[in-house]
């Protein structure tokens, strides 16, 4: 019975992490890159309007960072629940 509870806790922690990271990705790519583009374009970043930069480059960089964070956090989670490879 403890194994099923451990599995459920592991899956709950995994879903919580994925939900958080997907929320960040949605905010950066959709909200900043599409919905707030006009407001962000009033700010200059590296010689470009920030709204344009977020839509073209920023969301990609954030996505790569989120992948790295997911890998690191899942490795920690795997060790915590003793399911590491």
PDB file of N, CA and C in Angstrom:
ATOM      1  N   UNK A   1       0.823  -1.195   0.000  1.00  0.00           N
ATOM      2  CA  UNK A   1       0.000   0.000   0.000  1.00  0.00           C
ATOM      3  C   UNK A   1       0.866   1.258   0.000  1.00  0.00           C
ATOM      4  N   UNK A   2       1.975   1.196   0.699  1.00  0.00           N
ATOM      5  CA  UNK A   2       2.875   2.335   0.759  1.00  0.00           C
ATOM      6  C   UNK A   2       3.443   2.675  -0.617  1.00  0.00           C
ATOM      7  N   UNK A   3       3.661   1.662  -1.425  1.00  0.00           N
ATOM      8  CA  UNK A   3       4.193   1.874  -2.767  1.00  0.00           C
ATOM      9  C   UNK A   3       3.211   2.663  -3.636  1.00  0.00           C
ATOM     10  N   UNK A   4       1.921   2.340  -3.529  1.00  0.00           N
ATOM     11  CA  UNK A   4       0.913   3.086  -4.289  1.00  0.00           C
ATOM     12  C   UNK A   4       0.828   4.528  -3.837  1.00  0.00           C
ATOM     13  N   UNK A   5       0.924   4.751  -2.522  1.00  0.00           N
ATOM     14  CA  UNK A   5       0.887   6.102  -1.987  1.00  0.00           C
ATOM     15  C   UNK A   5       2.122   6.875  -2.441  1.00  0.00           C
ATOM     16  N   UNK A   6       3.280   6.218  -2.443  1.00  0.00           N
ATOM     17  CA  UNK A   6       4.523   6.833  -2.898  1.00  0.00           C
ATOM     18  C   UNK A   6       4.428   7.198  -4.381  1.00  0.00           C
ATOM     19  N   UNK A   7       3.850   6.301  -5.166  1.00  0.00           N
ATOM     20  CA  UNK A   7       3.666   6.560  -6.596  1.00  0.00           C
ATOM     21  C   UNK A   7       2.724   7.739  -6.816  1.00  0.00           C
ATOM     22  N   UNK A   8       1.663   7.800  -6.053  1.00  0.00           N
ATOM     23  CA  UNK A   8       0.699   8.908  -6.181  1.00  0.00           C
ATOM     24  C   UNK A   8       1.339  10.232  -5.789  1.00  0.00           C
ATOM     25  N   UNK A   9       2.154  10.241  -4.737  1.00  0.00           N
ATOM     26  CA  UNK A   9       2.844  11.467  -4.318  1.00  0.00           C
ATOM     27  C   UNK A   9       3.846  11.919  -5.369  1.00  0.00           C
ATOM     28  N   UNK A  10       4.549  10.951  -5.961  1.00  0.00           N
ATOM     29  CA  UNK A  10       5.507  11.271  -7.019  1.00  0.00           C
ATOM     30  C   UNK A  10       4.791  11.895  -8.215  1.00  0.00           C
ATOM     31  N   UNK A  11       3.674  11.299  -8.623  1.00  0.00           N
ATOM     32  CA  UNK A  11       2.940  11.794  -9.773  1.00  0.00           C
ATOM     33  C   UNK A  11       2.333  13.160  -9.485  1.00  0.00           C
ATOM     34  N   UNK A  12       1.851  13.371  -8.254  1.00  0.00           N
ATOM     35  CA  UNK A  12       1.294  14.666  -7.864  1.00  0.00           C
ATOM     36  C   UNK A  12       2.372  15.755  -7.927  1.00  0.00           C
ATOM     37  N   UNK A  13       3.562  15.452  -7.426  1.00  0.00           N
ATOM     38  CA  UNK A  13       4.662  16.411  -7.477  1.00  0.00           C
ATOM     39  C   UNK A  13       5.075  16.700  -8.916  1.00  0.00           C
ATOM     40  N   UNK A  14       5.076  15.672  -9.762  1.00  0.00           N
ATOM     41  CA  UNK A  14       5.412  15.836 -11.173  1.00  0.00           C
ATOM     42  C   UNK A  14       4.386  16.741 -11.866  1.00  0.00           C
ATOM     43  N   UNK A  15       3.112  16.506 -11.627  1.00  0.00           N
ATOM     44  CA  UNK A  15       2.068  17.326 -12.244  1.00  0.00           C
ATOM     45  C   UNK A  15       2.111  18.770 -11.756  1.00  0.00           C
ATOM     46  N   UNK A  16       2.426  18.955 -10.486  1.00  0.00           N
ATOM     47  CA  UNK A  16       2.541  20.311  -9.940  1.00  0.00           C
ATOM     48  C   UNK A  16       3.681  21.067 -10.629  1.00  0.00           C
ATOM     49  N   UNK A  17       4.812  20.404 -10.801  1.00  0.00           N
ATOM     50  CA  UNK A  17       5.959  21.016 -11.477  1.00  0.00           C
ATOM     51  C   UNK A  17       5.627  21.341 -12.933  1.00  0.00           C
ATOM     52  N   UNK A  18       5.013  20.379 -13.639  1.00  0.00           N
ATOM     53  CA  UNK A  18       4.653  20.627 -15.041  1.00  0.00           C
ATOM     54  C   UNK A  18       3.647  21.760 -15.168  1.00  0.00           C
ATOM     55  N   UNK A  19       2.675  21.818 -14.268  1.00  0.00           N
ATOM     56  CA  UNK A  19       1.687  22.895 -14.297  1.00  0.00           C
ATOM     57  C   UNK A  19       2.325  24.258 -14.100  1.00  0.00           C
ATOM     58  N   UNK A  20       3.264  24.347 -13.167  1.00  0.00           N
ATOM     59  CA  UNK A  20       3.960  25.605 -12.920  1.00  0.00           C
ATOM     60  C   UNK A  20       4.770  26.039 -14.137  1.00  0.00           C
ATOM     61  N   UNK A  21       5.551  25.109 -14.701  1.00  0.00           N
ATOM     62  CA  UNK A  21       6.402  25.446 -15.835  1.00  0.00           C
ATOM     63  C   UNK A  21       5.576  25.776 -17.084  1.00  0.00           C
ATOM     64  N   UNK A  22       4.493  25.054 -17.316  1.00  0.00           N
ATOM     65  CA  UNK A  22       3.629  25.363 -18.460  1.00  0.00           C
ATOM     66  C   UNK A  22       2.931  26.704 -18.291  1.00  0.00           C
ATOM     67  N   UNK A  23       2.600  27.061 -17.054  1.00  0.00           N
ATOM     68  CA  UNK A  23       2.001  28.372 -16.800  1.00  0.00           C
ATOM     69  C   UNK A  23       2.982  29.493 -17.119  1.00  0.00           C
ATOM     70  N   UNK A  24       4.222  29.316 -16.705  1.00  0.00           N
ATOM     71  CA  UNK A  24       5.252  30.311 -17.019  1.00  0.00           C
ATOM     72  C   UNK A  24       5.433  30.416 -18.529  1.00  0.00           C
ATOM     73  N   UNK A  25       5.477  29.285 -19.210  1.00  0.00           N
ATOM     74  CA  UNK A  25       5.636  29.283 -20.662  1.00  0.00           C
ATOM     75  C   UNK A  25       4.468  29.986 -21.341  1.00  0.00           C
ATOM     76  N   UNK A  26       3.250  29.739 -20.876  1.00  0.00           N
ATOM     77  CA  UNK A  26       2.071  30.390 -21.438  1.00  0.00           C
ATOM     78  C   UNK A  26       2.134  31.900 -21.239  1.00  0.00           C
ATOM     79  N   UNK A  27       2.494  32.325 -20.047  1.00  0.00           N
ATOM     80  CA  UNK A  27       2.559  33.763 -19.767  1.00  0.00           C
ATOM     81  C   UNK A  27       3.595  34.437 -20.651  1.00  0.00           C
ATOM     82  N   UNK A  28       4.757  33.833 -20.763  1.00  0.00           N
ATOM     83  CA  UNK A  28       5.832  34.458 -21.547  1.00  0.00           C
ATOM     84  C   UNK A  28       5.510  34.442 -23.040  1.00  0.00           C
ATOM     85  N   UNK A  29       5.057  33.302 -23.554  1.00  0.00           N
ATOM     86  CA  UNK A  29       4.875  33.204 -25.004  1.00  0.00           C
ATOM     87  C   UNK A  29       3.567  33.833 -25.474  1.00  0.00           C
ATOM     88  N   UNK A  30       2.475  33.595 -24.778  1.00  0.00           N
ATOM     89  CA  UNK A  30       1.179  34.091 -25.259  1.00  0.00           C
ATOM     90  C   UNK A  30       0.873  35.489 -24.737  1.00  0.00           C
ATOM     91  N   UNK A  31       0.980  35.659 -23.428  1.00  0.00           N
ATOM     92  CA  UNK A  31       0.612  36.950 -22.852  1.00  0.00           C
ATOM     93  C   UNK A  31       1.614  38.028 -23.250  1.00  0.00           C
ATOM     94  N   UNK A  32       2.907  37.774 -23.031  1.00  0.00           N
ATOM     95  CA  UNK A  32       3.913  38.792 -23.363  1.00  0.00           C
ATOM     96  C   UNK A  32       4.141  38.910 -24.860  1.00  0.00           C
ATOM     97  N   UNK A  33       4.066  37.803 -25.589  1.00  0.00           N
ATOM     98  CA  UNK A  33       4.362  37.824 -27.017  1.00  0.00           C
ATOM     99  C   UNK A  33       3.199  38.237 -27.888  1.00  0.00           C
ATOM    100  N   UNK A  34       1.954  38.137 -27.380  1.00  0.00           N
ATOM    101  CA  UNK A  34       0.789  38.448 -28.206  1.00  0.00           C
ATOM    102  C   UNK A  34      -0.102  39.499 -27.558  1.00  0.00           C
ATOM    103  N   UNK A  35      -0.570  39.240 -26.352  1.00  0.00           N
ATOM    104  CA  UNK A  35      -1.553  40.128 -25.735  1.00  0.00           C
ATOM    105  C   UNK A  35      -0.969  41.469 -25.287  1.00  0.00           C
ATOM    106  N   UNK A  36       0.218  41.463 -24.757  1.00  0.00           N
ATOM    107  CA  UNK A  36       0.827  42.697 -24.242  1.00  0.00           C
ATOM    108  C   UNK A  36       1.877  43.287 -25.171  1.00  0.00           C
ATOM    109  N   UNK A  37       1.863  42.873 -26.419  1.00  0.00           N
ATOM    110  CA  UNK A  37       2.926  43.297 -27.341  1.00  0.00           C
ATOM    111  C   UNK A  37       2.938  44.817 -27.525  1.00  0.00           C
ATOM    112  N   UNK A  38       1.791  45.450 -27.593  1.00  0.00           N
ATOM    113  CA  UNK A  38       1.770  46.904 -27.787  1.00  0.00           C
ATOM    114  C   UNK A  38       2.345  47.650 -26.584  1.00  0.00           C
ATOM    115  N   UNK A  39       2.010  47.202 -25.390  1.00  0.00           N
ATOM    116  CA  UNK A  39       2.555  47.843 -24.191  1.00  0.00           C
ATOM    117  C   UNK A  39       4.054  47.591 -24.062  1.00  0.00           C
ATOM    118  N   UNK A  40       4.488  46.375 -24.385  1.00  0.00           N
ATOM    119  CA  UNK A  40       5.912  46.055 -24.276  1.00  0.00           C
ATOM    120  C   UNK A  40       6.743  46.719 -25.363  1.00  0.00           C
ATOM    121  N   UNK A  41       6.134  47.052 -26.489  1.00  0.00           N
ATOM    122  CA  UNK A  41       6.883  47.690 -27.573  1.00  0.00           C
ATOM    123  C   UNK A  41       7.335  49.099 -27.212  1.00  0.00           C
ATOM    124  N   UNK A  42       6.806  49.672 -26.146  1.00  0.00           N
ATOM    125  CA  UNK A  42       7.267  50.997 -25.714  1.00  0.00           C
ATOM    126  C   UNK A  42       8.614  50.915 -24.994  1.00  0.00           C
ATOM    127  N   UNK A  43       9.076  49.704 -24.715  1.00  0.00           N
ATOM    128  CA  UNK A  43      10.356  49.485 -24.036  1.00  0.00           C
ATOM    129  C   UNK A  43      11.359  48.934 -25.038  1.00  0.00           C
ATOM    130  N   UNK A  44      12.561  49.472 -25.048  1.00  0.00           N
ATOM    131  CA  UNK A  44      13.625  48.992 -25.923  1.00  0.00           C
ATOM    132  C   UNK A  44      14.488  47.976 -25.181  1.00  0.00           C
ATOM    133  N   UNK A  45      14.841  46.884 -25.865  1.00  0.00           N
ATOM    134  CA  UNK A  45      15.725  45.860 -25.299  1.00  0.00           C
ATOM    135  C   UNK A  45      16.677  45.412 -26.389  1.00  0.00           C
ATOM    136  N   UNK A  46      17.955  45.611 -26.171  1.00  0.00           N
ATOM    137  CA  UNK A  46      19.003  45.233 -27.123  1.00  0.00           C
ATOM    138  C   UNK A  46      18.747  45.837 -28.498  1.00  0.00           C
ATOM    139  N   UNK A  47      18.221  47.043 -28.530  1.00  0.00           N
ATOM    140  CA  UNK A  47      17.974  47.736 -29.788  1.00  0.00           C
ATOM    141  C   UNK A  47      16.665  47.378 -30.461  1.00  0.00           C
ATOM    142  N   UNK A  48      15.875  46.502 -29.869  1.00  0.00           N
ATOM    143  CA  UNK A  48      14.593  46.094 -30.440  1.00  0.00           C
ATOM    144  C   UNK A  48      13.470  46.441 -29.474  1.00  0.00           C
ATOM    145  N   UNK A  49      12.280  46.536 -30.005  1.00  0.00           N
ATOM    146  CA  UNK A  49      11.122  46.719 -29.146  1.00  0.00           C
ATOM    147  C   UNK A  49      10.913  45.432 -28.351  1.00  0.00           C
ATOM    148  N   UNK A  50      10.630  45.561 -27.056  1.00  0.00           N
ATOM    149  CA  UNK A  50      10.565  44.399 -26.174  1.00  0.00           C
ATOM    150  C   UNK A  50       9.461  43.429 -26.586  1.00  0.00           C
ATOM    151  N   UNK A  51       8.314  43.919 -27.033  1.00  0.00           N
ATOM    152  CA  UNK A  51       7.240  43.036 -27.473  1.00  0.00           C
ATOM    153  C   UNK A  51       7.655  42.179 -28.654  1.00  0.00           C
ATOM    154  N   UNK A  52       8.319  42.795 -29.616  1.00  0.00           N
ATOM    155  CA  UNK A  52       8.827  42.056 -30.770  1.00  0.00           C
ATOM    156  C   UNK A  52       9.871  41.035 -30.337  1.00  0.00           C
ATOM    157  N   UNK A  53      10.788  41.462 -29.465  1.00  0.00           N
ATOM    158  CA  UNK A  53      11.849  40.574 -29.017  1.00  0.00           C
ATOM    159  C   UNK A  53      11.283  39.383 -28.259  1.00  0.00           C
ATOM    160  N   UNK A  54      10.278  39.616 -27.397  1.00  0.00           N
ATOM    161  CA  UNK A  54       9.667  38.520 -26.643  1.00  0.00           C
ATOM    162  C   UNK A  54       8.999  37.522 -27.574  1.00  0.00           C
ATOM    163  N   UNK A  55       8.337  38.011 -28.611  1.00  0.00           N
ATOM    164  CA  UNK A  55       7.655  37.116 -29.543  1.00  0.00           C
ATOM    165  C   UNK A  55       8.651  36.330 -30.389  1.00  0.00           C
ATOM    166  N   UNK A  56       9.775  36.928 -30.742  1.00  0.00           N
ATOM    167  CA  UNK A  56      10.714  36.287 -31.653  1.00  0.00           C
ATOM    168  C   UNK A  56      11.823  35.507 -30.957  1.00  0.00           C
ATOM    169  N   UNK A  57      12.357  36.040 -29.858  1.00  0.00           N
ATOM    170  CA  UNK A  57      13.515  35.420 -29.219  1.00  0.00           C
ATOM    171  C   UNK A  57      13.285  35.071 -27.759  1.00  0.00           C
ATOM    172  N   UNK A  58      12.673  35.968 -27.037  1.00  0.00           N
ATOM    173  CA  UNK A  58      12.540  35.805 -25.587  1.00  0.00           C
ATOM    174  C   UNK A  58      11.808  34.548 -25.188  1.00  0.00           C
ATOM    175  N   UNK A  59      10.717  34.248 -25.881  1.00  0.00           N
ATOM    176  CA  UNK A  59       9.954  33.054 -25.519  1.00  0.00           C
ATOM    177  C   UNK A  59      10.756  31.778 -25.790  1.00  0.00           C
ATOM    178  N   UNK A  60      11.605  31.796 -26.799  1.00  0.00           N
ATOM    179  CA  UNK A  60      12.458  30.638 -27.073  1.00  0.00           C
ATOM    180  C   UNK A  60      13.498  30.437 -25.970  1.00  0.00           C
ATOM    181  N   UNK A  61      14.110  31.539 -25.522  1.00  0.00           N
ATOM    182  CA  UNK A  61      15.086  31.441 -24.443  1.00  0.00           C
ATOM    183  C   UNK A  61      14.422  30.951 -23.162  1.00  0.00           C
ATOM    184  N   UNK A  62      13.251  31.475 -22.861  1.00  0.00           N
ATOM    185  CA  UNK A  62      12.537  31.043 -21.664  1.00  0.00           C
ATOM    186  C   UNK A  62      12.184  29.566 -21.775  1.00  0.00           C
ATOM    187  N   UNK A  63      11.764  29.118 -22.946  1.00  0.00           N
ATOM    188  CA  UNK A  63      11.433  27.707 -23.144  1.00  0.00           C
ATOM    189  C   UNK A  63      12.645  26.814 -22.883  1.00  0.00           C
ATOM    190  N   UNK A  64      13.805  27.201 -23.376  1.00  0.00           N
ATOM    191  CA  UNK A  64      15.022  26.422 -23.133  1.00  0.00           C
ATOM    192  C   UNK A  64      15.390  26.401 -21.655  1.00  0.00           C
ATOM    193  N   UNK A  65      15.216  27.524 -20.976  1.00  0.00           N
ATOM    194  CA  UNK A  65      15.484  27.586 -19.540  1.00  0.00           C
ATOM    195  C   UNK A  65      14.507  26.688 -18.786  1.00  0.00           C
ATOM    196  N   UNK A  66      13.244  26.682 -19.201  1.00  0.00           N
ATOM    197  CA  UNK A  66      12.249  25.837 -18.549  1.00  0.00           C
ATOM    198  C   UNK A  66      12.564  24.352 -18.734  1.00  0.00           C
ATOM    199  N   UNK A  67      13.087  23.977 -19.888  1.00  0.00           N
ATOM    200  CA  UNK A  67      13.501  22.587 -20.103  1.00  0.00           C
ATOM    201  C   UNK A  67      14.621  22.222 -19.142  1.00  0.00           C
ATOM    202  N   UNK A  68      15.583  23.100 -19.003  1.00  0.00           N
ATOM    203  CA  UNK A  68      16.705  22.858 -18.099  1.00  0.00           C
ATOM    204  C   UNK A  68      16.211  22.740 -16.657  1.00  0.00           C
ATOM    205  N   UNK A  69      15.311  23.644 -16.243  1.00  0.00           N
ATOM    206  CA  UNK A  69      14.751  23.607 -14.884  1.00  0.00           C
ATOM    207  C   UNK A  69      13.986  22.300 -14.669  1.00  0.00           C
ATOM    208  N   UNK A  70      13.212  21.874 -15.672  1.00  0.00           N
ATOM    209  CA  UNK A  70      12.448  20.634 -15.551  1.00  0.00           C
ATOM    210  C   UNK A  70      13.371  19.437 -15.347  1.00  0.00           C
ATOM    211  N   UNK A  71      14.436  19.371 -16.104  1.00  0.00           N
ATOM    212  CA  UNK A  71      15.382  18.255 -15.975  1.00  0.00           C
ATOM    213  C   UNK A  71      16.001  18.242 -14.578  1.00  0.00           C
ATOM    214  N   UNK A  72      16.450  19.393 -14.113  1.00  0.00           N
ATOM    215  CA  UNK A  72      17.080  19.465 -12.791  1.00  0.00           C
ATOM    216  C   UNK A  72      16.089  19.101 -11.690  1.00  0.00           C
ATOM    217  N   UNK A  73      14.881  19.652 -11.753  1.00  0.00           N
ATOM    218  CA  UNK A  73      13.875  19.381 -10.718  1.00  0.00           C
ATOM    219  C   UNK A  73      13.415  17.927 -10.754  1.00  0.00           C
ATOM    220  N   UNK A  74      13.293  17.336 -11.950  1.00  0.00           N
ATOM    221  CA  UNK A  74      12.883  15.936 -12.034  1.00  0.00           C
ATOM    222  C   UNK A  74      13.974  15.010 -11.518  1.00  0.00           C
ATOM    223  N   UNK A  75      15.230  15.340 -11.746  1.00  0.00           N
ATOM    224  CA  UNK A  75      16.318  14.541 -11.180  1.00  0.00           C
ATOM    225  C   UNK A  75      16.261  14.573  -9.653  1.00  0.00           C
ATOM    226  N   UNK A  76      15.992  15.750  -9.094  1.00  0.00           N
ATOM    227  CA  UNK A  76      15.846  15.872  -7.646  1.00  0.00           C
ATOM    228  C   UNK A  76      14.638  15.083  -7.155  1.00  0.00           C
ATOM    229  N   UNK A  77      13.539  15.178  -7.875  1.00  0.00           N
ATOM    230  CA  UNK A  77      12.322  14.456  -7.514  1.00  0.00           C
ATOM    231  C   UNK A  77      12.533  12.943  -7.606  1.00  0.00           C
ATOM    232  N   UNK A  78      13.238  12.498  -8.633  1.00  0.00           N
ATOM    233  CA  UNK A  78      13.534  11.077  -8.778  1.00  0.00           C
ATOM    234  C   UNK A  78      14.348  10.557  -7.594  1.00  0.00           C
ATOM    235  N   UNK A  79      15.338  11.330  -7.153  1.00  0.00           N
ATOM    236  CA  UNK A  79      16.143  10.927  -6.013  1.00  0.00           C
ATOM    237  C   UNK A  79      15.308  10.902  -4.744  1.00  0.00           C
ATOM    238  N   UNK A  80      14.433  11.884  -4.584  1.00  0.00           N
ATOM    239  CA  UNK A  80      13.590  11.961  -3.388  1.00  0.00           C
ATOM    240  C   UNK A  80      12.681  10.732  -3.277  1.00  0.00           C
ATOM    241  N   UNK A  81      12.120  10.290  -4.392  1.00  0.00           N
ATOM    242  CA  UNK A  81      11.194   9.170  -4.375  1.00  0.00           C
ATOM    243  C   UNK A  81      11.877   7.839  -4.751  1.00  0.00           C
ATOM    244  N   UNK A  82      13.187   7.859  -4.837  1.00  0.00           N
ATOM    245  CA  UNK A  82      14.007   6.665  -5.088  1.00  0.00           C
ATOM    246  C   UNK A  82      13.584   5.938  -6.378  1.00  0.00           C
ATOM    247  N   UNK A  83      13.446   6.710  -7.455  1.00  0.00           N
ATOM    248  CA  UNK A  83      13.149   6.122  -8.762  1.00  0.00           C
ATOM    249  C   UNK A  83      14.184   6.554  -9.808  1.00  0.00           C
ATOM    250  N   UNK A  84      15.343   6.976  -9.330  1.00  0.00           N
ATOM    251  CA  UNK A  84      16.387   7.445 -10.238  1.00  0.00           C
ATOM    252  C   UNK A  84      16.977   6.285 -11.024  1.00  0.00           C
ATOM    253  N   UNK A  85      17.549   6.604 -12.165  1.00  0.00           N
ATOM    254  CA  UNK A  85      18.141   5.593 -13.020  1.00  0.00           C
ATOM    255  C   UNK A  85      19.555   5.286 -12.604  1.00  0.00           C
TER     256      UNK A  85
END
